């Protein structure tokens, strides 16, 4: 059963359920029809008995039968007096005279290859005793029941056959979109993520599945493209410092005339630090994505944290003649202090790196509802509108000609830190006018 296709299972269950319903319903229907017809026959002979009883007349001690007594078709009436003398009969069939007289409810007998329904009754009036017997053929009723039974026996297999064929057709038609999804999944298995499910217009569960599958494919394609770009960018980021390290190491080993071992060693050390920074930041992001990084929440004073961050970056800002301004209100927030410090260092450092000489970097924080709003803004070179959606991607740089001293992971880490705290980050930027990062936590 487990190896059968869904449409086969649907057809089998549908047929089994139909068979069970027919097996229960049809016998009940047959017995109901039989009981109804038999009750009708009993009512008929009861009515005939009433007519026969009312037609008996006693006049001056003499018993007579009125002229109104007439028996329906296939119904016989026999009337005896107390001596057993037949005083009325519309049949000569001996059996109707010889069977035991049994008063009460109608009973059935089988005579001359026919089924009969018999009703006996004794009538007494003025010391006169009269016995009445009504016999009615129920062969027509039996014929109706036999035809009904025959039709049921013919209809059940035919209906089950129609159920099987119809079930297969309906299941195949209903599951046709599933077959499309299966074929598409097979094509995707060969690496083509650009495929989409088309031609399904229904709004039922299958249509919802197709839409969900298409959304999943779009998300997968986007993720794969990001991963491909990440692999390319990370390879490029790591290849450049490794090439520099190798070149300087080879120069030292070759003792090339004019080579300065101290300069080469310093270069190797600097590039090694850069590789180490990239690796550490990648490790942090990877642990965060895998859910292995546990944040330690505590009460953090934003003015104190901002002062520490700006003091740490003051020398770098002074080298570019950029003024750092702390405008944070007296606001505290529940956060991981080390991660929040890293977030502020990345944002302010990024603003300094892409700022203009004699420019400014402002850091603000204020209470907003139950949370707080942190903004880091600058009056630097800004970002083009088409590049804003990609700015938080790993290794993405809006201007490939800019300073490449960083790892290209700073804003990705900022986004991850904000997400870890359940916050939201937005970016507003205008080319040549500056950028504003808004963090709500």
Protein backbone atom coordinates (compact mmCIF):
# COMPACT_ATOMS: atom_id res chain seq x y z
CA UNK A 1 0.00 0.00 0.00
CA UNK A 2 2.86 2.37 0.81
CA UNK A 3 4.31 1.94 -2.69
CA UNK A 4 1.07 2.82 -4.48
CA UNK A 5 0.64 6.21 -6.10
CA UNK A 6 -1.59 8.76 -4.40
CA UNK A 7 -4.19 8.68 -7.18
CA UNK A 8 -4.38 4.86 -6.90
CA UNK A 9 -4.81 5.13 -3.14
CA UNK A 10 -7.52 7.78 -3.61
CA UNK A 11 -9.34 5.56 -6.11
CA UNK A 12 -9.11 2.48 -3.86
CA UNK A 13 -10.31 4.33 -0.76
CA UNK A 14 -13.10 6.02 -2.73
CA UNK A 15 -14.22 2.67 -4.20
CA UNK A 16 -14.00 0.92 -0.82
CA UNK A 17 -16.05 3.64 0.86
CA UNK A 18 -18.63 3.53 -1.94
CA UNK A 19 -18.81 -0.27 -1.71
CA UNK A 20 -19.34 -0.12 2.07
CA UNK A 21 -22.07 2.51 1.68
CA UNK A 22 -23.82 0.44 -1.00
CA UNK A 23 -23.50 -2.75 1.08
CA UNK A 24 -25.19 -0.99 3.99
CA UNK A 25 -27.71 1.20 2.13
CA UNK A 26 -29.06 -1.20 -0.51
CA UNK A 27 -30.11 -4.03 1.89
CA UNK A 28 -31.78 -1.46 4.10
CA UNK A 29 -33.54 -0.03 1.03
CA UNK A 30 -34.60 -3.50 -0.13
CA UNK A 31 -36.06 -4.50 3.24
CA UNK A 32 -37.79 -1.13 3.55
CA UNK A 33 -39.46 -1.59 0.15
CA UNK A 34 -40.44 -5.17 1.03
CA UNK A 35 -41.93 -4.10 4.37
CA UNK A 36 -43.80 -1.21 2.73
CA UNK A 37 -45.29 -3.42 0.02
CA UNK A 38 -46.27 -6.09 2.54
CA UNK A 39 -47.93 -3.50 4.78
CA UNK A 40 -49.82 -2.22 1.75
CA UNK A 41 -51.07 -5.74 0.96
CA UNK A 42 -52.09 -6.24 4.61
CA UNK A 43 -54.02 -2.98 4.51
CA UNK A 44 -55.74 -4.10 1.30
CA UNK A 45 -56.96 -7.42 2.70
CA UNK A 46 -57.92 -5.64 5.94
CA UNK A 47 -60.09 -3.26 3.93
CA UNK A 48 -61.57 -6.19 2.01
CA UNK A 49 -62.31 -7.92 5.33
CA UNK A 50 -64.17 -4.82 6.51
CA UNK A 51 -66.25 -4.77 3.33
CA UNK A 52 -67.03 -8.48 3.66
CA UNK A 53 -67.97 -8.06 7.32
CA UNK A 54 -70.32 -5.16 6.59
CA UNK A 55 -72.01 -7.05 3.73
CA UNK A 56 -73.28 -9.85 6.01
CA UNK A 57 -76.98 -9.38 6.82
CA UNK A 58 -79.22 -11.17 9.36
CA UNK A 59 -82.92 -10.83 8.53
CA UNK A 60 -85.52 -12.75 10.56
CA UNK A 61 -82.94 -15.30 11.54
CA UNK A 62 -81.78 -15.74 8.02
CA UNK A 63 -78.17 -14.94 6.97
CA UNK A 64 -77.56 -13.32 3.60
CA UNK A 65 -74.74 -11.56 1.72
CA UNK A 66 -75.31 -8.12 0.30
CA UNK A 67 -74.81 -7.42 -3.37
CA UNK A 68 -72.11 -4.80 -2.64
CA UNK A 69 -69.55 -7.48 -1.76
CA UNK A 70 -67.05 -7.56 -4.55
CA UNK A 71 -63.47 -8.79 -4.29
CA UNK A 72 -60.52 -6.93 -5.85
CA UNK A 73 -58.46 -8.66 -8.54
CA UNK A 74 -56.49 -11.71 -7.33
CA UNK A 75 -58.35 -11.59 -4.01
CA UNK A 76 -60.74 -14.35 -2.88
CA UNK A 77 -63.44 -14.28 -0.20
CA UNK A 78 -64.85 -17.33 1.53
CA UNK A 79 -67.63 -17.14 4.16
CA UNK A 80 -68.89 -20.13 6.28
CA UNK A 81 -71.70 -20.39 8.69
CA UNK A 82 -71.38 -22.10 12.08
CA UNK A 83 -72.14 -25.52 10.57
CA UNK A 84 -69.26 -25.16 8.12
CA UNK A 85 -71.54 -24.61 5.17
CA UNK A 86 -70.06 -22.20 2.59
CA UNK A 87 -72.49 -19.37 2.11
CA UNK A 88 -70.26 -17.26 -0.14
CA UNK A 89 -67.12 -17.93 -2.19
CA UNK A 90 -65.62 -16.50 -5.34
CA UNK A 91 -63.07 -19.33 -5.75
CA UNK A 92 -63.04 -23.10 -5.94
CA UNK A 93 -59.45 -23.59 -4.85
CA UNK A 94 -59.58 -26.37 -2.29
CA UNK A 95 -56.62 -25.19 -0.28
CA UNK A 96 -58.44 -22.07 0.79
CA UNK A 97 -61.11 -24.30 2.35
CA UNK A 98 -58.86 -26.87 4.01
CA UNK A 99 -56.11 -24.83 5.69
CA UNK A 100 -56.49 -24.31 9.40
CA UNK A 101 -58.58 -21.30 10.37
CA UNK A 102 -56.26 -18.94 12.27
CA UNK A 103 -57.60 -15.68 13.54
CA UNK A 104 -55.42 -12.68 14.26
CA UNK A 105 -52.85 -11.10 11.99
CA UNK A 106 -52.51 -11.89 8.28
CA UNK A 107 -50.27 -14.85 7.49
CA UNK A 108 -48.59 -16.15 4.35
CA UNK A 109 -49.03 -19.50 2.58
CA UNK A 110 -47.53 -20.96 -0.58
CA UNK A 111 -50.04 -22.63 -2.89
CA UNK A 112 -49.93 -23.67 -6.53
CA UNK A 113 -46.55 -21.91 -7.09
CA UNK A 114 -47.96 -18.68 -5.73
CA UNK A 115 -47.54 -16.67 -2.56
CA UNK A 116 -50.76 -15.75 -0.75
CA UNK A 117 -51.63 -13.53 2.14
CA UNK A 118 -54.51 -14.87 4.28
CA UNK A 119 -56.66 -13.13 6.90
CA UNK A 120 -59.23 -15.03 8.98
CA UNK A 121 -61.95 -13.57 11.21
CA UNK A 122 -65.01 -14.83 13.11
CA UNK A 123 -68.12 -12.61 13.25
CA UNK A 124 -70.90 -13.17 15.83
CA UNK A 125 -74.34 -11.51 15.86
CA UNK A 126 -77.60 -12.67 17.51
CA UNK A 127 -76.27 -16.15 18.15
CA UNK A 128 -75.14 -16.38 14.57
CA UNK A 129 -71.50 -17.26 13.97
CA UNK A 130 -69.85 -16.54 10.64
CA UNK A 131 -66.26 -17.21 9.58
CA UNK A 132 -64.65 -15.04 6.91
CA UNK A 133 -61.41 -15.77 5.07
CA UNK A 134 -59.70 -13.30 2.70
CA UNK A 135 -56.93 -14.65 0.44
CA UNK A 136 -54.87 -12.24 -1.68
CA UNK A 137 -52.08 -13.10 -4.09
CA UNK A 138 -48.83 -11.33 -3.39
CA UNK A 139 -47.00 -12.70 -6.43
CA UNK A 140 -46.92 -9.24 -7.99
CA UNK A 141 -45.32 -7.89 -4.87
CA UNK A 142 -42.74 -10.67 -4.96
CA UNK A 143 -42.12 -9.96 -8.65
CA UNK A 144 -41.47 -6.30 -7.86
CA UNK A 145 -39.10 -7.27 -5.07
CA UNK A 146 -37.28 -9.78 -7.31
CA UNK A 147 -36.83 -7.17 -10.03
CA UNK A 148 -35.59 -4.71 -7.42
CA UNK A 149 -33.09 -7.26 -6.11
CA UNK A 150 -31.96 -8.07 -9.65
CA UNK A 151 -31.44 -4.40 -10.43
CA UNK A 152 -29.45 -3.97 -7.22
CA UNK A 153 -27.21 -6.93 -8.07
CA UNK A 154 -26.63 -5.47 -11.54
CA UNK A 155 -26.25 -1.88 -10.40
CA UNK A 156 -23.73 -2.54 -7.62
CA UNK A 157 -20.93 -3.93 -9.88
CA UNK A 158 -21.75 -1.38 -12.58
CA UNK A 159 -21.71 1.46 -10.07
CA UNK A 160 -18.42 0.22 -8.58
CA UNK A 161 -16.92 0.04 -12.08
CA UNK A 162 -18.05 3.61 -12.79
CA UNK A 163 -16.67 4.62 -9.39
CA UNK A 164 -13.26 3.12 -10.20
CA UNK A 165 -13.07 4.75 -13.65
CA UNK A 166 -14.44 8.08 -12.35
CA UNK A 167 -12.15 7.96 -9.31
CA UNK A 168 -9.09 7.41 -11.48
CA UNK A 169 -10.12 10.22 -13.81
CA UNK A 170 -10.87 12.69 -11.01
CA UNK A 171 -7.72 11.76 -9.07
CA UNK A 172 -5.58 12.06 -12.20
CA UNK A 173 -7.11 15.43 -13.07
CA UNK A 174 -6.88 16.71 -9.50
CA UNK A 175 -3.26 15.58 -9.13
CA UNK A 176 -2.11 16.74 -12.56
CA UNK A 177 -0.58 19.90 -11.04
CA UNK A 178 1.31 17.67 -8.60
CA UNK A 179 2.78 15.85 -11.60
CA UNK A 180 3.86 19.22 -12.99
CA UNK A 181 5.52 20.04 -9.68
CA UNK A 182 7.26 16.63 -9.71
CA UNK A 183 8.55 17.16 -13.26
CA UNK A 184 9.70 20.66 -12.36
CA UNK A 185 11.47 19.38 -9.25
CA UNK A 186 13.27 16.86 -11.46
CA UNK A 187 14.44 19.66 -13.76
CA UNK A 188 15.52 21.72 -10.76
CA UNK A 189 17.49 18.72 -9.55
CA UNK A 190 19.71 19.23 -12.59
CA UNK A 191 20.53 22.78 -11.43
CA UNK A 192 17.97 24.96 -13.24
CA UNK A 193 16.41 27.18 -10.56
CA UNK A 194 14.86 29.58 -13.07
CA UNK A 195 11.93 27.24 -13.77
CA UNK A 196 8.49 28.09 -12.42
CA UNK A 197 5.14 26.27 -12.26
CA UNK A 198 2.72 27.76 -14.80
CA UNK A 199 -0.77 26.94 -16.06
CA UNK A 200 -2.37 26.32 -12.66
CA UNK A 201 -5.27 28.76 -12.28
CA UNK A 202 -7.16 27.05 -9.45
CA UNK A 203 -7.37 28.68 -6.02
CA UNK A 204 -7.60 25.38 -4.14
CA UNK A 205 -4.92 23.64 -2.05
CA UNK A 206 -3.03 22.57 -5.18
CA UNK A 207 -2.96 26.15 -6.43
CA UNK A 208 -1.68 27.30 -3.04
CA UNK A 209 0.99 24.58 -3.19
CA UNK A 210 2.08 25.74 -6.65
CA UNK A 211 2.29 29.38 -5.51
CA UNK A 212 4.22 28.38 -2.40
CA UNK A 213 6.55 26.23 -4.51
CA UNK A 214 7.18 29.15 -6.88
CA UNK A 215 7.89 31.46 -3.94
CA UNK A 216 10.26 28.87 -2.52
CA UNK A 217 12.04 28.58 -5.89
CA UNK A 218 12.40 32.36 -6.10
CA UNK A 219 13.82 32.43 -2.58
CA UNK A 220 16.17 29.53 -3.36
CA UNK A 221 17.33 31.14 -6.60
CA UNK A 222 17.98 34.40 -4.78
CA UNK A 223 19.86 32.56 -2.01
CA UNK A 224 21.92 30.60 -4.51
CA UNK A 225 22.81 33.79 -6.36
CA UNK A 226 23.85 35.40 -3.08
CA UNK A 227 25.91 32.35 -2.16
CA UNK A 228 27.57 32.34 -5.58
CA UNK A 229 28.36 36.04 -5.21
CA UNK A 230 29.54 35.42 -1.66
CA UNK A 231 31.85 32.60 -2.78
CA UNK A 232 33.25 34.79 -5.55
CA UNK A 233 33.68 37.85 -3.31
CA UNK A 234 35.16 35.92 -0.39
CA UNK A 235 37.61 34.19 -2.73
CA UNK A 236 38.62 37.56 -4.12
CA UNK A 237 38.89 39.14 -0.65
CA UNK A 238 41.11 36.35 0.64
CA UNK A 239 43.11 35.89 -2.56
CA UNK A 240 44.45 39.47 -2.62
CA UNK A 241 46.08 39.46 0.86
CA UNK A 242 47.34 35.92 0.36
CA UNK A 243 49.00 36.97 -2.91
CA UNK A 244 50.62 39.93 -1.15
CA UNK A 245 51.84 37.72 1.68
CA UNK A 246 53.26 35.19 -0.77
CA UNK A 247 55.01 37.90 -2.83
CA UNK A 248 56.65 39.49 0.23
CA UNK A 249 57.62 36.11 1.66
CA UNK A 250 59.21 35.14 -1.65
CA UNK A 251 61.07 38.46 -1.74
CA UNK A 252 62.50 37.83 1.72
CA UNK A 253 63.49 34.28 0.83
CA UNK A 254 65.08 35.34 -2.45
CA UNK A 255 66.92 38.20 -0.73
CA UNK A 256 66.20 40.33 -3.75
CA UNK A 257 68.56 43.32 -3.92
CA UNK A 258 66.74 46.39 -2.75
CA UNK A 259 64.12 44.42 -0.82
CA UNK A 260 63.40 45.72 2.70
CA UNK A 261 62.76 42.76 5.03
CA UNK A 262 61.14 45.02 7.66
CA UNK A 263 58.68 46.51 5.17
CA UNK A 264 57.88 43.05 3.80
CA UNK A 265 57.33 41.69 7.29
CA UNK A 266 55.07 44.60 8.20
CA UNK A 267 53.08 44.04 5.01
CA UNK A 268 52.76 40.34 5.75
CA UNK A 269 51.62 41.13 9.28
CA UNK A 270 49.08 43.70 8.12
CA UNK A 271 47.60 41.40 5.48
CA UNK A 272 47.57 38.53 7.95
CA UNK A 273 45.61 40.73 10.35
CA UNK A 274 43.19 41.52 7.54
CA UNK A 275 42.69 37.83 6.72
CA UNK A 276 42.21 37.09 10.39
CA UNK A 277 39.58 39.84 10.62
CA UNK A 278 37.70 38.45 7.62
CA UNK A 279 37.82 34.92 9.03
CA UNK A 280 36.66 36.05 12.49
CA UNK A 281 33.79 38.05 11.04
CA UNK A 282 32.77 35.19 8.76
CA UNK A 283 32.87 32.85 11.73
CA UNK A 284 30.67 35.25 13.72
CA UNK A 285 28.13 35.46 10.89
CA UNK A 286 28.14 31.71 10.38
CA UNK A 287 27.59 31.02 14.06
CA UNK A 288 24.79 33.58 14.08
CA UNK A 289 23.07 32.08 11.03
CA UNK A 290 23.36 28.58 12.53
CA UNK A 291 21.88 29.84 15.81
CA UNK A 292 24.99 28.96 17.82
CA UNK A 293 25.65 32.47 19.10
CA UNK A 294 24.02 33.13 22.46
CA UNK A 295 23.50 36.82 23.23
CA UNK A 296 23.89 38.05 26.81
CA UNK A 297 21.28 40.73 27.50
CA UNK A 298 21.97 43.44 30.06
CA UNK A 299 21.05 47.06 30.72
CA UNK A 300 23.22 49.19 28.40
CA UNK A 301 23.52 52.97 28.63
CA UNK A 302 23.63 54.31 25.09
CA UNK A 303 25.34 57.64 25.94
CA UNK A 304 28.17 55.81 27.73
CA UNK A 305 28.54 53.23 24.97
CA UNK A 306 28.51 55.92 22.26
CA UNK A 307 31.19 57.96 24.08
CA UNK A 308 33.42 54.88 24.23
CA UNK A 309 32.92 54.11 20.54
CA UNK A 310 33.57 57.70 19.39
CA UNK A 311 36.66 57.93 21.57
CA UNK A 312 38.01 54.74 20.01
CA UNK A 313 37.45 56.12 16.49
CA UNK A 314 38.51 59.69 17.21
CA UNK A 315 42.00 59.28 15.78
CA UNK A 316 40.71 57.77 12.54
CA UNK A 317 38.15 60.57 12.20
CA UNK A 318 40.77 63.26 12.89
CA UNK A 319 42.97 61.87 10.10
CA UNK A 320 40.14 62.61 7.66
CA UNK A 321 39.19 65.90 9.35
CA UNK A 322 35.75 64.57 10.31
CA UNK A 323 33.94 65.70 13.44
CA UNK A 324 32.19 63.08 15.56
CA UNK A 325 29.05 64.30 17.38
CA UNK A 326 27.32 62.43 20.22
CA UNK A 327 23.67 63.50 20.51
CA UNK A 328 22.34 60.50 22.40
CA UNK A 329 19.74 61.13 25.08
CA UNK A 330 19.87 59.43 28.45
CA UNK A 331 18.48 56.15 27.10
CA UNK A 332 19.13 52.59 28.22
CA UNK A 333 18.35 49.42 26.31
CA UNK A 334 18.36 45.68 26.99
CA UNK A 335 21.10 44.37 24.68
CA UNK A 336 24.32 42.42 24.38
CA UNK A 337 26.91 45.11 25.12
CA UNK A 338 29.72 43.56 23.08
CA UNK A 339 27.48 43.11 20.02
CA UNK A 340 25.99 46.59 20.37
CA UNK A 341 29.50 48.06 20.61
CA UNK A 342 30.52 46.14 17.49
CA UNK A 343 27.42 47.47 15.67
CA UNK A 344 28.22 51.09 16.59
CA UNK A 345 31.92 50.67 15.66
CA UNK A 346 30.95 49.32 12.24
CA UNK A 347 28.38 52.03 11.52
CA UNK A 348 30.49 54.96 12.71
CA UNK A 349 33.63 53.51 11.11
CA UNK A 350 31.78 53.10 7.83
CA UNK A 351 30.56 56.72 8.02
CA UNK A 352 34.12 57.95 8.62
CA UNK A 353 35.55 55.84 5.79
CA UNK A 354 33.12 57.24 3.22
CA UNK A 355 32.83 60.73 4.68
CA UNK A 356 34.13 63.96 3.15
CA UNK A 357 36.91 66.11 4.60
CA UNK A 358 35.55 68.67 7.09
CA UNK A 359 32.44 66.50 7.33
CA UNK A 360 30.46 65.27 10.31
CA UNK A 361 29.17 62.01 11.74
CA UNK A 362 26.20 62.28 14.13
CA UNK A 363 25.10 59.57 16.53
CA UNK A 364 21.67 60.02 18.11
CA UNK A 365 19.50 57.89 20.38
CA UNK A 366 16.04 58.62 21.75
CA UNK A 367 13.14 56.80 23.31
CA UNK A 368 10.46 55.64 20.81
CA UNK A 369 7.41 54.01 22.34
CA UNK A 370 8.51 50.94 24.29
CA UNK A 371 11.86 50.84 22.46
CA UNK A 372 14.45 53.25 21.20
CA UNK A 373 15.60 54.74 17.91
CA UNK A 374 19.33 54.93 17.14
CA UNK A 375 20.50 56.92 14.11
CA UNK A 376 23.99 57.20 12.65
CA UNK A 377 24.18 59.84 9.92
CA UNK A 378 26.88 61.54 7.89
CA UNK A 379 27.28 64.15 5.16
CA UNK A 380 29.54 61.96 3.04
CA UNK A 381 29.38 60.73 -0.55
CA UNK A 382 26.13 58.75 -0.12
CA UNK A 383 24.90 55.69 -2.02
CA UNK A 384 23.13 55.32 -5.35
CA UNK A 385 19.39 54.33 -5.05
CA UNK A 386 19.80 51.10 -7.06
CA UNK A 387 22.50 49.91 -4.67
CA UNK A 388 20.52 50.41 -1.43
CA UNK A 389 18.85 46.92 -1.47
CA UNK A 390 22.30 45.24 -1.71
CA UNK A 391 24.17 47.27 0.87
CA UNK A 392 23.78 44.67 3.67
CA UNK A 393 24.99 41.76 1.51
CA UNK A 394 28.29 40.15 2.48
CA UNK A 395 31.34 41.59 0.69
CA UNK A 396 29.18 44.06 -1.24
CA UNK A 397 30.72 47.47 -1.92
CA UNK A 398 28.67 50.16 -3.61
CA UNK A 399 31.78 51.69 -5.20
CA UNK A 400 34.33 49.07 -6.26
CA UNK A 401 37.00 51.78 -6.52
CA UNK A 402 36.65 52.81 -2.86
CA UNK A 403 38.99 52.02 -0.01
CA UNK A 404 39.34 48.23 0.29
CA UNK A 405 41.02 48.26 3.66
CA UNK A 406 37.89 46.80 5.30
CA UNK A 407 36.58 43.27 5.08
CA UNK A 408 33.34 44.06 3.26
CA UNK A 409 31.39 42.39 6.05
CA UNK A 410 30.76 45.32 8.38
CA UNK A 411 27.19 46.14 7.36
CA UNK A 412 26.28 42.43 7.10
CA UNK A 413 27.36 42.05 10.71
CA UNK A 414 25.37 45.16 11.67
CA UNK A 415 22.24 43.67 10.07
CA UNK A 416 22.79 40.36 11.86
CA UNK A 417 23.26 42.10 15.25
CA UNK A 418 20.05 44.09 14.79
CA UNK A 419 18.18 40.90 13.82
CA UNK A 420 19.58 39.07 16.85
CA UNK A 421 18.03 41.76 19.08
CA UNK A 422 14.68 41.56 17.29
CA UNK A 423 15.14 45.04 15.83
CA UNK A 424 14.89 46.59 12.40
CA UNK A 425 17.42 48.61 10.42
CA UNK A 426 16.71 51.02 7.56
CA UNK A 427 18.95 53.08 5.32
CA UNK A 428 18.25 56.42 3.69
CA UNK A 429 20.90 57.85 1.40
CA UNK A 430 21.30 60.56 -1.20
CA UNK A 431 24.36 60.65 -3.48
CA UNK A 432 26.84 63.42 -2.52
CA UNK A 433 24.71 64.40 0.48
CA UNK A 434 25.17 61.55 2.95
CA UNK A 435 23.50 58.55 4.52
CA UNK A 436 21.34 57.87 7.57
CA UNK A 437 21.09 54.47 9.27
CA UNK A 438 18.01 54.08 11.48
CA UNK A 439 17.95 51.22 14.01
CA UNK A 440 14.80 50.50 16.01
CA UNK A 441 15.27 48.20 18.98
